Amino acid sequence: MAALCLQRGGFDLVATDRNRSGRQRIDLPAAVRVDSGLCALPVPMATAGSRREQIMEAALGGAEACIVKRFTAQGLAEKINRIFEPAA
């Protein structure tokens, strides 16, 4: 359902949670990456786990950044700002 909403356009990024209910962990980032109209959208993913395997799973699934919970508003803003910084 989220992918259908995204296809309507008007989004600059897709923030998602690895532990959201009712869905597979990395299905939304994966769906964004294979859709030619969405694949350029950054996908930061929040996660409660900080284990290397969980972070790697998110990255391999298409997440741009992994933001470990409990994060502050400042920490979240820093991660999102880094996503939009031009590559050096």
Protein backbone atom coordinates (compact mmCIF):
# COMPACT_ATOMS: atom_id res chain seq x y z
CA MET A 1 0.00 0.00 0.00
CA ALA A 2 2.83 2.42 0.83
CA ALA A 3 4.45 1.79 -2.55
CA LEU A 4 1.17 2.67 -4.29
CA CYS A 5 0.98 5.96 -2.38
CA LEU A 6 4.60 6.73 -3.26
CA GLN A 7 3.92 6.20 -6.96
CA ARG A 8 1.56 9.19 -6.91
CA GLY A 9 4.65 11.36 -6.40
CA GLY A 10 5.43 14.41 -4.32
CA PHE A 11 7.88 12.75 -1.91
CA ASP A 12 11.51 13.65 -1.23
CA LEU A 13 12.34 10.61 0.90
CA VAL A 14 10.75 7.50 2.37
CA ALA A 15 11.25 7.13 6.13
CA THR A 16 10.39 3.66 7.37
CA ASP A 17 10.77 1.45 10.42
CA ARG A 18 12.34 -1.99 10.26
CA ASN A 19 9.92 -3.21 12.92
CA ARG A 20 6.65 -1.84 11.57
CA SER A 21 3.76 -4.18 12.13
CA GLY A 22 2.19 -6.36 9.49
CA ARG A 23 5.03 -6.18 6.96
CA GLN A 24 8.31 -7.84 6.21
CA ARG A 25 11.29 -5.97 7.56
CA ILE A 26 12.82 -4.65 4.37
CA ASP A 27 10.03 -5.00 1.82
CA LEU A 28 9.37 -1.27 1.39
CA PRO A 29 12.99 -0.22 0.68
CA ALA A 30 13.30 -3.18 -1.70
CA ALA A 31 10.09 -2.17 -3.52
CA VAL A 32 11.33 1.41 -3.84
CA ARG A 33 14.68 0.26 -5.28
CA VAL A 34 13.11 -1.87 -8.04
CA ASP A 35 10.55 0.74 -9.13
CA SER A 36 12.04 2.93 -11.88
CA GLY A 37 9.90 5.89 -10.78
CA LEU A 38 10.92 5.65 -7.13
CA CYS A 39 14.44 4.24 -7.12
CA ALA A 40 16.09 7.66 -6.67
CA LEU A 41 14.23 8.35 -3.40
CA PRO A 42 16.41 8.10 -0.28
CA VAL A 43 15.13 5.55 2.26
CA PRO A 44 16.31 6.06 5.84
CA MET A 45 15.20 3.20 8.11
CA ALA A 46 14.72 3.31 11.87
CA THR A 47 15.55 0.17 13.82
CA ALA A 48 15.49 -0.86 17.46
CA GLY A 49 18.42 -3.21 16.92
CA SER A 50 22.00 -2.07 16.57
CA ARG A 51 23.49 -5.44 15.66
CA ARG A 52 25.67 -5.42 12.58
CA GLU A 53 23.47 -8.05 10.88
CA GLN A 54 20.38 -5.88 11.21
CA ILE A 55 22.12 -2.82 9.84
CA MET A 56 23.57 -4.84 6.95
CA GLU A 57 20.14 -6.32 6.18
CA ALA A 58 18.69 -2.81 5.97
CA ALA A 59 21.52 -1.59 3.73
CA LEU A 60 21.33 -4.61 1.43
CA GLY A 61 17.55 -4.20 1.30
CA GLY A 62 17.88 -0.68 -0.06
CA ALA A 63 17.90 1.57 3.00
CA GLU A 64 20.03 4.69 2.58
CA ALA A 65 20.76 5.01 6.29
CA CYS A 66 19.99 3.05 9.43
CA ILE A 67 18.91 5.14 12.40
CA VAL A 68 19.11 3.22 15.67
CA LYS A 69 16.30 3.91 18.16
CA ARG A 70 16.26 5.78 20.69
CA PHE A 71 17.38 8.75 18.70
CA THR A 72 16.91 12.43 19.33
CA ALA A 73 15.35 14.91 16.95
CA GLN A 74 18.83 16.34 16.41
CA GLY A 75 20.29 12.90 15.63
CA LEU A 76 17.49 12.19 13.15
CA ALA A 77 17.97 15.58 11.48
CA GLU A 78 21.72 14.96 11.16
CA LYS A 79 21.17 11.58 9.45
CA ILE A 80 18.59 13.00 7.04
CA ASN A 81 20.75 16.05 6.28
CA ARG A 82 23.68 13.73 5.48
CA ILE A 83 21.51 11.88 2.98
CA PHE A 84 20.85 15.11 1.08
CA GLU A 85 24.44 16.42 1.16
CA PRO A 86 26.05 16.47 -2.25
CA ALA A 87 28.60 13.72 -2.76
CA ALA A 88 32.17 14.95 -2.51
